[in-house]
Amino acid sequence: MLVTLDNSRQILYTKRKGVVMSKTESFLTGLITGALAGSIIALLYAPDTGTNTRKKLSYQVSHYRDELIDLIGELQKEKDKLMSEAKEKGEKVVSEAKKKADDLIKEAEHLLETIDQAPKA
C-alpha cells in the first residue's frame, strides 16, 4: 500500500510487518532477496562438484556486489542532481522575489515623492 506523506514523497507500508519502507529500500530488498533465491536454486540444481560450485557462487556474489555498488553510485548521483536542481530553483525564486520587492519599494518611493510634490490646498 502506497501512502503519500506530502506532494513529493511516497512510502510503501506493509501491513503484515508494520514496517515503513521507501521505494528505494523496497527495491534493494527485492534485489537482494532475488539474488539469494537465485543462488540457492543454483546450488540445488548444480551438476558440478562442490569446489566448482563454490567458485561459481563466489563469482556470482562478487558480480552482484559490483552491481549493487554501481546501483548505489547511480542513486547517489541522481540524488545529488535532484538536490542541485532544487537548490537552483530555490535560488531563482528568491532572486525573483527580491527583484519584485525592490520594484515595489521603488514604486512606493515614487508615489511618496509624487504626493510630496503635489500642490497643497
N, C-alpha and C. Protein backbone atom coordinates (compact mmCIF):
# COMPACT_ATOMS: atom_id res chain seq x y z
N MET A 1 0.85 -1.17 0.00
CA MET A 1 0.00 0.00 0.00
C MET A 1 0.89 1.23 0.00
N LEU A 2 0.68 2.13 -0.95
CA LEU A 2 1.44 3.37 -1.01
C LEU A 2 0.73 4.43 -0.20
N VAL A 3 1.47 5.14 0.59
CA VAL A 3 0.93 6.23 1.41
C VAL A 3 1.67 7.50 1.02
N THR A 4 0.93 8.55 0.71
CA THR A 4 1.55 9.81 0.33
C THR A 4 1.76 10.66 1.58
N LEU A 5 3.01 11.01 1.85
CA LEU A 5 3.33 11.85 3.00
C LEU A 5 3.09 13.32 2.67
N ASP A 6 3.56 13.74 1.52
CA ASP A 6 3.33 15.08 1.03
C ASP A 6 3.36 14.99 -0.48
N ASN A 7 3.44 16.09 -1.18
CA ASN A 7 3.39 16.06 -2.64
C ASN A 7 4.59 15.39 -3.28
N SER A 8 5.71 15.32 -2.59
CA SER A 8 6.93 14.84 -3.23
C SER A 8 7.38 13.46 -2.77
N ARG A 9 6.87 12.96 -1.64
CA ARG A 9 7.37 11.68 -1.14
C ARG A 9 6.23 10.69 -0.96
N GLN A 10 6.49 9.46 -1.35
CA GLN A 10 5.56 8.38 -1.10
C GLN A 10 6.33 7.28 -0.40
N ILE A 11 5.67 6.56 0.48
CA ILE A 11 6.31 5.44 1.16
C ILE A 11 5.46 4.21 0.96
N LEU A 12 6.09 3.05 1.11
CA LEU A 12 5.40 1.79 0.98
C LEU A 12 5.18 1.26 2.39
N TYR A 13 3.94 0.93 2.71
CA TYR A 13 3.61 0.44 4.04
C TYR A 13 3.15 -1.00 3.91
N THR A 14 3.83 -1.92 4.57
CA THR A 14 3.41 -3.30 4.55
C THR A 14 2.69 -3.60 5.85
N LYS A 15 1.43 -4.04 5.74
CA LYS A 15 0.61 -4.26 6.93
C LYS A 15 1.10 -5.45 7.76
N ARG A 16 1.59 -6.49 7.12
CA ARG A 16 2.00 -7.68 7.85
C ARG A 16 3.07 -7.38 8.88
N LYS A 17 4.08 -6.68 8.47
CA LYS A 17 5.20 -6.44 9.36
C LYS A 17 5.09 -5.11 10.09
N GLY A 18 4.24 -4.22 9.59
CA GLY A 18 4.14 -2.91 10.20
C GLY A 18 5.39 -2.08 9.95
N VAL A 19 6.09 -2.35 8.85
CA VAL A 19 7.34 -1.68 8.53
C VAL A 19 7.08 -0.65 7.45
N VAL A 20 7.65 0.51 7.61
CA VAL A 20 7.53 1.55 6.61
C VAL A 20 8.84 1.58 5.83
N MET A 21 8.73 1.43 4.48
CA MET A 21 9.92 1.39 3.65
C MET A 21 9.76 2.35 2.48
N SER A 22 10.84 2.98 2.07
CA SER A 22 10.80 3.83 0.89
C SER A 22 10.86 2.94 -0.34
N LYS A 23 10.60 3.53 -1.51
CA LYS A 23 10.65 2.76 -2.75
C LYS A 23 12.05 2.20 -2.98
N THR A 24 13.07 2.97 -2.67
CA THR A 24 14.45 2.52 -2.87
C THR A 24 14.76 1.35 -1.96
N GLU A 25 14.36 1.44 -0.70
CA GLU A 25 14.60 0.34 0.23
C GLU A 25 13.87 -0.91 -0.23
N SER A 26 12.64 -0.76 -0.70
CA SER A 26 11.87 -1.90 -1.19
C SER A 26 12.56 -2.54 -2.38
N PHE A 27 13.05 -1.69 -3.30
CA PHE A 27 13.74 -2.20 -4.48
C PHE A 27 15.00 -2.97 -4.08
N LEU A 28 15.81 -2.38 -3.21
CA LEU A 28 17.05 -3.03 -2.79
C LEU A 28 16.77 -4.34 -2.05
N THR A 29 15.73 -4.35 -1.22
CA THR A 29 15.35 -5.58 -0.52
C THR A 29 14.97 -6.65 -1.52
N GLY A 30 14.18 -6.28 -2.53
CA GLY A 30 13.77 -7.24 -3.56
C GLY A 30 14.96 -7.74 -4.36
N LEU A 31 15.90 -6.84 -4.67
CA LEU A 31 17.09 -7.22 -5.43
C LEU A 31 17.92 -8.23 -4.65
N ILE A 32 18.15 -7.96 -3.40
CA ILE A 32 18.96 -8.86 -2.58
C ILE A 32 18.25 -10.20 -2.38
N THR A 33 16.94 -10.15 -2.12
CA THR A 33 16.18 -11.38 -1.93
C THR A 33 16.20 -12.22 -3.20
N GLY A 34 16.03 -11.58 -4.35
CA GLY A 34 16.08 -12.30 -5.62
C GLY A 34 17.44 -12.93 -5.88
N ALA A 35 18.49 -12.20 -5.55
CA ALA A 35 19.84 -12.74 -5.74
C ALA A 35 20.08 -13.95 -4.85
N LEU A 36 19.63 -13.88 -3.61
CA LEU A 36 19.79 -15.02 -2.70
C LEU A 36 18.97 -16.22 -3.16
N ALA A 37 17.74 -15.98 -3.58
CA ALA A 37 16.89 -17.09 -4.04
C ALA A 37 17.51 -17.73 -5.28
N GLY A 38 18.02 -16.92 -6.19
CA GLY A 38 18.67 -17.47 -7.39
C GLY A 38 19.89 -18.29 -7.04
N SER A 39 20.65 -17.83 -6.08
CA SER A 39 21.84 -18.57 -5.67
C SER A 39 21.48 -19.91 -5.04
N ILE A 40 20.46 -19.92 -4.22
CA ILE A 40 20.03 -21.17 -3.57
C ILE A 40 19.52 -22.16 -4.60
N ILE A 41 18.73 -21.69 -5.54
CA ILE A 41 18.22 -22.57 -6.59
C ILE A 41 19.37 -23.11 -7.43
N ALA A 42 20.34 -22.26 -7.73
CA ALA A 42 21.51 -22.71 -8.50
C ALA A 42 22.27 -23.79 -7.75
N LEU A 43 22.38 -23.66 -6.42
CA LEU A 43 23.08 -24.68 -5.64
C LEU A 43 22.34 -26.01 -5.66
N LEU A 44 21.03 -25.94 -5.57
CA LEU A 44 20.24 -27.17 -5.54
C LEU A 44 20.30 -27.93 -6.86
N TYR A 45 20.38 -27.24 -7.96
CA TYR A 45 20.38 -27.88 -9.26
C TYR A 45 21.77 -27.95 -9.90
N ALA A 46 22.79 -27.70 -9.14
CA ALA A 46 24.16 -27.67 -9.67
C ALA A 46 24.64 -29.09 -9.97
N PRO A 47 25.02 -29.34 -11.23
CA PRO A 47 25.55 -30.67 -11.58
C PRO A 47 27.06 -30.77 -11.34
N ASP A 48 27.66 -29.70 -10.88
CA ASP A 48 29.11 -29.63 -10.71
C ASP A 48 29.55 -30.11 -9.33
N THR A 49 30.85 -30.22 -9.17
CA THR A 49 31.41 -30.58 -7.86
C THR A 49 31.30 -29.39 -6.90
N GLY A 50 31.51 -29.65 -5.66
CA GLY A 50 31.42 -28.61 -4.64
C GLY A 50 32.41 -27.48 -4.85
N THR A 51 33.62 -27.82 -5.26
CA THR A 51 34.65 -26.80 -5.49
C THR A 51 34.25 -25.87 -6.62
N ASN A 52 33.82 -26.46 -7.73
CA ASN A 52 33.40 -25.64 -8.87
C ASN A 52 32.17 -24.81 -8.52
N THR A 53 31.25 -25.39 -7.78
CA THR A 53 30.03 -24.67 -7.39
C THR A 53 30.39 -23.48 -6.50
N ARG A 54 31.32 -23.68 -5.56
CA ARG A 54 31.74 -22.59 -4.70
C ARG A 54 32.41 -21.47 -5.49
N LYS A 55 33.21 -21.84 -6.49
CA LYS A 55 33.85 -20.83 -7.33
C LYS A 55 32.80 -20.03 -8.10
N LYS A 56 31.84 -20.74 -8.66
CA LYS A 56 30.77 -20.06 -9.40
C LYS A 56 29.98 -19.15 -8.47
N LEU A 57 29.67 -19.68 -7.29
CA LEU A 57 28.91 -18.90 -6.31
C LEU A 57 29.70 -17.66 -5.88
N SER A 58 30.98 -17.83 -5.67
CA SER A 58 31.82 -16.70 -5.30
C SER A 58 31.82 -15.65 -6.40
N TYR A 59 31.91 -16.12 -7.65
CA TYR A 59 31.88 -15.20 -8.78
C TYR A 59 30.54 -14.45 -8.82
N GLN A 60 29.43 -15.16 -8.64
CA GLN A 60 28.11 -14.54 -8.68
C GLN A 60 27.95 -13.51 -7.56
N VAL A 61 28.39 -13.86 -6.36
CA VAL A 61 28.31 -12.92 -5.23
C VAL A 61 29.13 -11.67 -5.54
N SER A 62 30.31 -11.87 -6.09
CA SER A 62 31.15 -10.73 -6.46
C SER A 62 30.47 -9.89 -7.53
N HIS A 63 29.86 -10.56 -8.50
CA HIS A 63 29.16 -9.85 -9.58
C HIS A 63 27.98 -9.04 -9.02
N TYR A 64 27.18 -9.66 -8.14
CA TYR A 64 26.04 -8.96 -7.54
C TYR A 64 26.51 -7.80 -6.67
N ARG A 65 27.62 -7.99 -5.99
CA ARG A 65 28.18 -6.92 -5.15
C ARG A 65 28.57 -5.73 -6.02
N ASP A 66 29.23 -6.01 -7.14
CA ASP A 66 29.64 -4.94 -8.05
C ASP A 66 28.41 -4.21 -8.61
N GLU A 67 27.38 -4.98 -8.98
CA GLU A 67 26.15 -4.36 -9.49
C GLU A 67 25.50 -3.48 -8.42
N LEU A 68 25.50 -3.96 -7.19
CA LEU A 68 24.91 -3.19 -6.10
C LEU A 68 25.69 -1.91 -5.85
N ILE A 69 27.01 -1.98 -5.91
CA ILE A 69 27.84 -0.78 -5.74
C ILE A 69 27.55 0.22 -6.85
N ASP A 70 27.44 -0.28 -8.10
CA ASP A 70 27.12 0.60 -9.22
C ASP A 70 25.75 1.25 -9.04
N LEU A 71 24.77 0.46 -8.60
CA LEU A 71 23.42 0.97 -8.38
C LEU A 71 23.41 2.04 -7.30
N ILE A 72 24.13 1.81 -6.23
CA ILE A 72 24.22 2.80 -5.15
C ILE A 72 24.86 4.09 -5.67
N GLY A 73 25.89 3.95 -6.49
CA GLY A 73 26.54 5.12 -7.08
C GLY A 73 25.58 5.91 -7.97
N GLU A 74 24.80 5.19 -8.79
CA GLU A 74 23.83 5.86 -9.65
C GLU A 74 22.76 6.57 -8.83
N LEU A 75 22.29 5.92 -7.77
CA LEU A 75 21.28 6.54 -6.91
C LEU A 75 21.84 7.79 -6.24
N GLN A 76 23.10 7.75 -5.83
CA GLN A 76 23.74 8.91 -5.21
C GLN A 76 23.84 10.07 -6.20
N LYS A 77 24.24 9.75 -7.46
CA LYS A 77 24.34 10.79 -8.49
C LYS A 77 22.97 11.41 -8.76
N GLU A 78 21.93 10.58 -8.84
CA GLU A 78 20.58 11.08 -9.09
C GLU A 78 20.11 11.97 -7.94
N LYS A 79 20.42 11.55 -6.71
CA LYS A 79 20.05 12.36 -5.54
C LYS A 79 20.75 13.71 -5.59
N ASP A 80 22.04 13.69 -5.90
CA ASP A 80 22.81 14.94 -5.97
C ASP A 80 22.26 15.85 -7.08
N LYS A 81 21.92 15.26 -8.21
CA LYS A 81 21.37 16.03 -9.32
C LYS A 81 20.05 16.68 -8.92
N LEU A 82 19.17 15.90 -8.30
CA LEU A 82 17.88 16.45 -7.88
C LEU A 82 18.05 17.55 -6.84
N MET A 83 18.98 17.37 -5.91
CA MET A 83 19.21 18.39 -4.89
C MET A 83 19.76 19.65 -5.53
N SER A 84 20.64 19.50 -6.51
CA SER A 84 21.20 20.65 -7.21
C SER A 84 20.11 21.41 -7.96
N GLU A 85 19.24 20.67 -8.64
CA GLU A 85 18.14 21.31 -9.36
C GLU A 85 17.22 22.05 -8.40
N ALA A 86 16.91 21.43 -7.28
CA ALA A 86 16.04 22.08 -6.29
C ALA A 86 16.69 23.34 -5.74
N LYS A 87 17.99 23.29 -5.50
CA LYS A 87 18.71 24.46 -4.98
C LYS A 87 18.67 25.59 -6.00
N GLU A 88 18.90 25.26 -7.27
CA GLU A 88 18.87 26.28 -8.33
C GLU A 88 17.48 26.92 -8.43
N LYS A 89 16.45 26.09 -8.37
CA LYS A 89 15.08 26.62 -8.46
C LYS A 89 14.78 27.50 -7.24
N GLY A 90 15.23 27.09 -6.08
CA GLY A 90 15.03 27.89 -4.87
C GLY A 90 15.73 29.23 -4.96
N GLU A 91 16.96 29.21 -5.45
CA GLU A 91 17.70 30.47 -5.61
C GLU A 91 17.02 31.38 -6.63
N LYS A 92 16.46 30.80 -7.68
CA LYS A 92 15.77 31.59 -8.70
C LYS A 92 14.52 32.25 -8.10
N VAL A 93 13.77 31.49 -7.31
CA VAL A 93 12.57 32.04 -6.67
C VAL A 93 12.93 33.18 -5.74
N VAL A 94 13.98 32.99 -4.94
CA VAL A 94 14.42 34.04 -4.01
C VAL A 94 14.85 35.28 -4.78
N SER A 95 15.60 35.08 -5.87
CA SER A 95 16.05 36.20 -6.68
C SER A 95 14.87 36.97 -7.27
N GLU A 96 13.90 36.25 -7.79
CA GLU A 96 12.71 36.91 -8.36
C GLU A 96 11.92 37.65 -7.28
N ALA A 97 11.82 37.06 -6.10
CA ALA A 97 11.10 37.71 -5.00
C ALA A 97 11.81 39.00 -4.58
N LYS A 98 13.14 38.97 -4.51
CA LYS A 98 13.90 40.18 -4.16
C LYS A 98 13.70 41.27 -5.20
N LYS A 99 13.71 40.88 -6.48
CA LYS A 99 13.53 41.85 -7.55
C LYS A 99 12.14 42.49 -7.46
N LYS A 100 11.13 41.67 -7.23
CA LYS A 100 9.77 42.21 -7.11
C LYS A 100 9.64 43.12 -5.89
N ALA A 101 10.28 42.73 -4.79
CA ALA A 101 10.25 43.57 -3.59
C ALA A 101 10.94 44.91 -3.85
N ASP A 102 12.08 44.88 -4.53
CA ASP A 102 12.78 46.13 -4.87
C ASP A 102 11.92 47.01 -5.78
N ASP A 103 11.25 46.39 -6.75
CA ASP A 103 10.37 47.15 -7.65
C ASP A 103 9.22 47.80 -6.88
N LEU A 104 8.65 47.06 -5.93
CA LEU A 104 7.55 47.60 -5.12
C LEU A 104 8.04 48.77 -4.25
N ILE A 105 9.23 48.62 -3.70
CA ILE A 105 9.78 49.70 -2.87
C ILE A 105 10.01 50.94 -3.72
N LYS A 106 10.58 50.78 -4.91
CA LYS A 106 10.81 51.92 -5.80
C LYS A 106 9.49 52.59 -6.18
N GLU A 107 8.48 51.77 -6.45
CA GLU A 107 7.16 52.32 -6.81
C GLU A 107 6.55 53.08 -5.64
N ALA A 108 6.69 52.54 -4.43
CA ALA A 108 6.17 53.22 -3.25
C ALA A 108 6.92 54.54 -3.01
N GLU A 109 8.23 54.54 -3.19
CA GLU A 109 9.01 55.77 -3.02
C GLU A 109 8.60 56.81 -4.06
N HIS A 110 8.36 56.36 -5.28
CA HIS A 110 7.92 57.27 -6.34
C HIS A 110 6.56 57.88 -6.00
N LEU A 111 5.67 57.08 -5.48
CA LEU A 111 4.35 57.59 -5.08
C LEU A 111 4.49 58.61 -3.95
N LEU A 112 5.36 58.34 -2.99
CA LEU A 112 5.57 59.29 -1.91
C LEU A 112 6.14 60.61 -2.43
N GLU A 113 7.06 60.56 -3.37
CA GLU A 113 7.60 61.76 -3.97
C GLU A 113 6.52 62.54 -4.70
N THR A 114 5.65 61.83 -5.42
CA THR A 114 4.56 62.47 -6.15
C THR A 114 3.62 63.15 -5.19
N ILE A 115 3.33 62.50 -4.09
CA ILE A 115 2.43 63.09 -3.08
C ILE A 115 3.07 64.33 -2.46
N ASP A 116 4.37 64.27 -2.16
CA ASP A 116 5.08 65.39 -1.55
C ASP A 116 5.15 66.59 -2.52
N GLN A 117 5.23 66.33 -3.81
CA GLN A 117 5.36 67.39 -4.79
C GLN A 117 4.01 67.95 -5.23
N ALA A 118 2.95 67.30 -4.88
CA ALA A 118 1.62 67.79 -5.29
C ALA A 118 1.32 69.11 -4.57
N PRO A 119 0.63 70.04 -5.29
CA PRO A 119 0.30 71.31 -4.64
C PRO A 119 -0.64 71.08 -3.47
N LYS A 120 -0.35 71.76 -2.40
CA LYS A 120 -1.16 71.59 -1.19
C LYS A 120 -2.25 72.65 -1.18
N ALA A 121 -3.44 72.21 -0.88
CA ALA A 121 -4.55 73.15 -0.91
C ALA A 121 -4.91 73.66 0.46
